[in-house]
Amino acid sequence: MLILILSFSVALLDQVTKYLIRKNLVPGECIEAIPGLFNISYVRNTGAAWGMLSGFGNLLIILSLVMLVVIVFFRKHFLTDTLTHRIATGLMLAGIVGNLIDRIRLGYVVDFLDFHWSMHHFPSFNVADSAICIGVGLYMVSQVFLEKKAREEAEA
C-alpha cells in the first residue's frame, strides 16, 4: 500500500508542478530564484536525461513501459520487502509514470529545476527525475548495507 500511495503522491506532485510551469512560463523563460545557484526555467526535453536520445520519444515511451513492467512484475527478484525498498520502488515508479505522462500527452518532458554554480551548469530536471534518482540511490545504498550485513553474518 505504501508503494501505491507514495507513487501516486509523487507523480501527482510532479504533474502539478509541471502544469504550473507550463501555465506561468513560456518555453525558454527563466526566473532567478536564488542568484548564482538556482533558477526556475521552462525546458521542453524531447530526450532522456541531459537530452540524450532527443527525438526518440517513441523509444523512450517503450523503454518506460518496459521498466514499469519489470519493476511491478519482477520486483521480488531484486527488491526485498523492507521499508527502504518499498520507498525506493514507489519513488522509481512515480518518476517513470510522471515523465511517461508528459511524453504521451505532450511529446516532451517538462524540466524546470535549474541549478548552476559559477561556470558549472547542471542540466534542468523535474520532480519525476528527482524521484527516480533518489529511488535508485536508496536501492544502491541499501544493497551495499545488505551485502555488508550478509558478509558479517557469514563471518560470525
Protein backbone atom coordinates (compact mmCIF):
# COMPACT_ATOMS: atom_id res chain seq x y z
CA MET A 1 0.00 0.00 0.00
CA LEU A 2 2.89 2.36 0.81
CA ILE A 3 4.26 1.89 -2.71
CA LEU A 4 0.94 2.90 -4.29
CA ILE A 5 0.37 5.90 -2.01
CA LEU A 6 3.93 7.16 -2.50
CA SER A 7 3.85 6.57 -6.26
CA PHE A 8 0.53 8.36 -6.68
CA SER A 9 1.50 11.29 -4.41
CA VAL A 10 4.87 11.94 -6.03
CA ALA A 11 3.52 11.51 -9.58
CA LEU A 12 0.72 13.95 -8.72
CA LEU A 13 3.21 16.46 -7.28
CA ASP A 14 5.28 16.08 -10.45
CA GLN A 15 2.30 16.74 -12.71
CA VAL A 16 1.08 19.71 -10.65
CA THR A 17 4.50 21.39 -10.68
CA LYS A 18 4.84 20.84 -14.44
CA TYR A 19 1.34 22.23 -15.00
CA LEU A 20 2.24 25.36 -13.04
CA ILE A 21 5.40 25.81 -15.11
CA ARG A 22 3.51 25.40 -18.41
CA LYS A 23 0.79 27.84 -17.30
CA ASN A 24 3.07 30.54 -15.91
CA LEU A 25 6.17 30.48 -18.12
CA VAL A 26 6.89 30.30 -21.82
CA PRO A 27 9.44 27.79 -23.12
CA GLY A 28 12.94 29.11 -22.52
CA GLU A 29 11.82 31.58 -19.85
CA CYS A 30 13.92 31.62 -16.72
CA ILE A 31 13.23 33.07 -13.26
CA GLU A 32 16.21 33.59 -10.99
CA ALA A 33 15.14 32.08 -7.66
CA ILE A 34 18.47 32.04 -5.80
CA PRO A 35 21.03 34.27 -7.51
CA GLY A 36 24.13 32.39 -8.59
CA LEU A 37 22.66 28.99 -7.66
CA PHE A 38 19.09 28.18 -8.74
CA ASN A 39 16.67 29.19 -11.47
CA ILE A 40 13.21 28.04 -12.42
CA SER A 41 13.32 27.52 -16.18
CA TYR A 42 10.81 26.09 -18.64
CA VAL A 43 12.61 23.49 -20.74
CA ARG A 44 10.94 21.10 -23.18
CA ASN A 45 13.07 17.97 -23.14
CA THR A 46 12.36 15.57 -26.02
CA GLY A 47 15.12 13.22 -24.85
CA ALA A 48 16.07 11.38 -21.71
CA ALA A 49 18.50 12.56 -19.03
CA TRP A 50 20.58 15.52 -20.22
CA GLY A 51 18.73 15.45 -23.54
CA MET A 52 20.22 12.11 -24.61
CA LEU A 53 18.15 10.28 -27.24
CA SER A 54 16.48 13.54 -28.20
CA GLY A 55 13.93 12.89 -30.91
CA PHE A 56 13.43 9.25 -29.93
CA GLY A 57 10.21 9.83 -27.99
CA ASN A 58 8.54 6.58 -29.05
CA LEU A 59 11.59 4.56 -27.99
CA LEU A 60 11.62 6.35 -24.63
CA ILE A 61 7.90 5.59 -24.17
CA ILE A 62 8.55 1.90 -24.88
CA LEU A 63 11.55 1.84 -22.51
CA SER A 64 9.46 3.49 -19.80
CA LEU A 65 6.69 0.94 -20.21
CA VAL A 66 9.20 -1.93 -20.13
CA MET A 67 10.74 -0.56 -16.91
CA LEU A 68 7.30 -0.24 -15.32
CA VAL A 69 6.54 -3.87 -16.16
CA VAL A 70 9.94 -5.04 -14.89
CA ILE A 71 9.60 -3.16 -11.60
CA VAL A 72 5.98 -4.17 -10.99
CA PHE A 73 6.14 -7.81 -12.00
CA PHE A 74 9.73 -8.75 -11.19
CA ARG A 75 10.47 -6.56 -8.16
CA LYS A 76 10.52 -9.53 -5.79
CA HIS A 77 13.55 -10.86 -7.66
CA PHE A 78 15.71 -7.84 -6.87
CA LEU A 79 13.87 -5.94 -4.12
CA THR A 80 13.23 -7.09 -0.57
CA ASP A 81 10.13 -6.25 1.45
CA THR A 82 11.95 -3.69 3.57
CA LEU A 83 10.74 -0.14 4.15
CA THR A 84 13.73 1.21 2.23
CA HIS A 85 12.98 -0.92 -0.82
CA ARG A 86 9.27 -0.08 -0.71
CA ILE A 87 10.12 3.63 -0.67
CA ALA A 88 12.68 3.16 -3.45
CA THR A 89 10.12 1.28 -5.54
CA GLY A 90 7.44 3.93 -5.00
CA LEU A 91 9.81 6.72 -6.00
CA MET A 92 11.07 4.93 -9.11
CA LEU A 93 7.53 4.13 -10.25
CA ALA A 94 6.37 7.69 -9.61
CA GLY A 95 9.24 9.15 -11.61
CA ILE A 96 8.74 6.83 -14.55
CA VAL A 97 4.99 7.48 -14.59
CA GLY A 98 5.40 11.26 -14.22
CA ASN A 99 7.71 11.55 -17.22
CA LEU A 100 5.75 8.96 -19.21
CA ILE A 101 2.58 11.04 -18.84
CA ASP A 102 4.43 14.03 -20.32
CA ARG A 103 5.89 12.04 -23.20
CA ILE A 104 2.49 10.61 -24.16
CA ARG A 105 0.43 13.80 -23.65
CA LEU A 106 2.89 16.48 -24.74
CA GLY A 107 5.59 14.76 -26.79
CA TYR A 108 8.25 16.10 -24.42
CA VAL A 109 9.07 16.20 -20.72
CA VAL A 110 8.79 19.48 -18.82
CA ASP A 111 12.01 20.25 -16.91
CA PHE A 112 12.28 23.31 -14.71
CA LEU A 113 14.71 22.87 -11.80
CA ASP A 114 17.88 24.59 -12.96
CA PHE A 115 20.99 24.59 -10.73
CA HIS A 116 24.29 26.28 -11.53
CA TRP A 117 27.43 27.32 -9.74
CA SER A 118 29.98 29.72 -11.18
CA MET A 119 30.79 28.34 -14.66
CA HIS A 120 29.20 24.95 -13.92
CA HIS A 121 25.64 24.33 -15.02
CA PHE A 122 23.64 21.19 -14.23
CA PRO A 123 21.00 20.23 -16.83
CA SER A 124 17.44 21.12 -15.87
CA PHE A 125 15.32 18.39 -14.31
CA ASN A 126 11.96 17.89 -12.59
CA VAL A 127 10.27 16.17 -9.63
CA ALA A 128 9.97 12.87 -11.54
CA ASP A 129 13.69 12.87 -12.35
CA SER A 130 14.46 13.55 -8.70
CA ALA A 131 12.21 10.69 -7.59
CA ILE A 132 13.94 8.25 -9.95
CA CYS A 133 17.41 9.31 -8.79
CA ILE A 134 16.50 9.16 -5.10
CA GLY A 135 14.79 5.78 -5.56
CA VAL A 136 17.76 4.29 -7.41
CA GLY A 137 20.14 5.84 -4.86
CA LEU A 138 18.21 4.34 -1.94
CA TYR A 139 18.24 0.96 -3.64
CA MET A 140 22.00 1.10 -4.30
CA VAL A 141 22.90 2.25 -0.78
CA SER A 142 20.63 -0.39 0.77
CA GLN A 143 22.29 -3.08 -1.35
CA VAL A 144 25.72 -2.07 0.00
CA PHE A 145 24.44 -2.37 3.56
CA LEU A 146 22.66 -5.67 2.82
CA GLU A 147 25.86 -7.12 1.35
CA LYS A 148 27.88 -5.87 4.33
CA LYS A 149 25.37 -7.40 6.74
CA ALA A 150 25.42 -10.70 4.84
CA ARG A 151 29.25 -10.78 4.96
CA GLU A 152 29.24 -10.04 8.69
CA GLU A 153 26.70 -12.81 9.32
CA ALA A 154 28.71 -15.25 7.20
CA GLU A 155 31.88 -14.44 9.14
CA ALA A 156 30.15 -14.85 12.51
